[in-house]
Amino acid sequence: MEPDKIFIDIRTSELTLAQVLQEIRRIQSENPEYEIFMDGDAHAIAGRIRVRRDTQ
């Protein structure tokens, strides 16, 4: 399994909340294969490859 990808390190970012939300939307649109989320342990906006689960 591929490790999570860090898109925005919140500890070092100077973005406002509105800018972070705008960046999340941009990241999601440019990376549809990733699930984008706030990683509280890493203090970052991160992403991981979506796992497709086939239902039978």
C-alpha atoms as a PDB file:
ATOM      1  CA  MET A   1       0.000   0.000   0.000  1.00  0.00           C
ATOM      2  CA  GLU A   2       1.267   3.446  -0.924  1.00  0.00           C
ATOM      3  CA  PRO A   3       1.900   5.875   1.987  1.00  0.00           C
ATOM      4  CA  ASP A   4      -0.347   8.915   2.371  1.00  0.00           C
ATOM      5  CA  LYS A   5       0.670  11.921   0.283  1.00  0.00           C
ATOM      6  CA  ILE A   6       0.964  15.257   2.111  1.00  0.00           C
ATOM      7  CA  PHE A   7      -0.499  18.129   0.090  1.00  0.00           C
ATOM      8  CA  ILE A   8      -0.461  20.937   2.697  1.00  0.00           C
ATOM      9  CA  ASP A   9       1.579  20.956   5.912  1.00  0.00           C
ATOM     10  CA  ILE A  10      -0.660  23.012   8.161  1.00  0.00           C
ATOM     11  CA  ARG A  11       2.062  23.663  10.751  1.00  0.00           C
ATOM     12  CA  THR A  12       4.171  25.609   8.244  1.00  0.00           C
ATOM     13  CA  SER A  13       1.398  26.953   6.009  1.00  0.00           C
ATOM     14  CA  GLU A  14       0.345  30.579   6.216  1.00  0.00           C
ATOM     15  CA  LEU A  15      -2.935  29.946   4.387  1.00  0.00           C
ATOM     16  CA  THR A  16      -6.186  31.163   5.914  1.00  0.00           C
ATOM     17  CA  LEU A  17      -8.991  28.679   6.520  1.00  0.00           C
ATOM     18  CA  ALA A  18     -10.805  29.926   3.411  1.00  0.00           C
ATOM     19  CA  GLN A  19      -7.642  29.441   1.358  1.00  0.00           C
ATOM     20  CA  VAL A  20      -7.127  25.924   2.753  1.00  0.00           C
ATOM     21  CA  LEU A  21     -10.692  24.999   1.800  1.00  0.00           C
ATOM     22  CA  GLN A  22     -10.142  26.426  -1.685  1.00  0.00           C
ATOM     23  CA  GLU A  23      -6.908  24.422  -1.999  1.00  0.00           C
ATOM     24  CA  ILE A  24      -8.706  21.246  -0.905  1.00  0.00           C
ATOM     25  CA  ARG A  25     -11.265  21.734  -3.683  1.00  0.00           C
ATOM     26  CA  ARG A  26      -8.452  22.284  -6.201  1.00  0.00           C
ATOM     27  CA  ILE A  27      -6.529  19.234  -4.970  1.00  0.00           C
ATOM     28  CA  GLN A  28      -9.671  17.081  -5.188  1.00  0.00           C
ATOM     29  CA  SER A  29     -10.397  18.205  -8.749  1.00  0.00           C
ATOM     30  CA  GLU A  30      -6.796  17.648  -9.876  1.00  0.00           C
ATOM     31  CA  ASN A  31      -6.442  14.303  -8.068  1.00  0.00           C
ATOM     32  CA  PRO A  32      -9.748  12.402  -8.391  1.00  0.00           C
ATOM     33  CA  GLU A  33      -7.965   9.115  -7.643  1.00  0.00           C
ATOM     34  CA  TYR A  34      -7.132  10.385  -4.134  1.00  0.00           C
ATOM     35  CA  GLU A  35      -9.301  10.577  -1.031  1.00  0.00           C
ATOM     36  CA  ILE A  36      -8.371  13.965   0.498  1.00  0.00           C
ATOM     37  CA  PHE A  37      -8.587  14.365   4.280  1.00  0.00           C
ATOM     38  CA  MET A  38      -7.264  16.253   7.305  1.00  0.00           C
ATOM     39  CA  ASP A  39      -4.651  14.123   9.056  1.00  0.00           C
ATOM     40  CA  GLY A  40      -4.708  15.303  12.660  1.00  0.00           C
ATOM     41  CA  ASP A  41      -1.615  13.338  13.665  1.00  0.00           C
ATOM     42  CA  ALA A  42       0.475  14.817  10.843  1.00  0.00           C
ATOM     43  CA  HIS A  43      -1.205  18.258  11.024  1.00  0.00           C
ATOM     44  CA  ALA A  44      -1.643  18.162   7.279  1.00  0.00           C
ATOM     45  CA  ILE A  45      -4.067  17.945   4.407  1.00  0.00           C
ATOM     46  CA  ALA A  46      -3.250  14.535   3.012  1.00  0.00           C
ATOM     47  CA  GLY A  47      -4.481  12.107   0.421  1.00  0.00           C
ATOM     48  CA  ARG A  48      -4.472   8.406  -0.205  1.00  0.00           C
ATOM     49  CA  ILE A  49      -5.294   6.403  -3.274  1.00  0.00           C
ATOM     50  CA  ARG A  50      -8.949   5.388  -3.286  1.00  0.00           C
ATOM     51  CA  VAL A  51      -9.464   1.666  -2.910  1.00  0.00           C
ATOM     52  CA  ARG A  52     -12.171   0.385  -5.192  1.00  0.00           C
ATOM     53  CA  ARG A  53     -14.299  -2.214  -3.510  1.00  0.00           C
ATOM     54  CA  ASP A  54     -16.346  -4.276  -5.907  1.00  0.00           C
ATOM     55  CA  THR A  55     -19.645  -5.365  -4.419  1.00  0.00           C
ATOM     56  CA  GLN A  56     -20.979  -8.707  -5.426  1.00  0.00           C
END
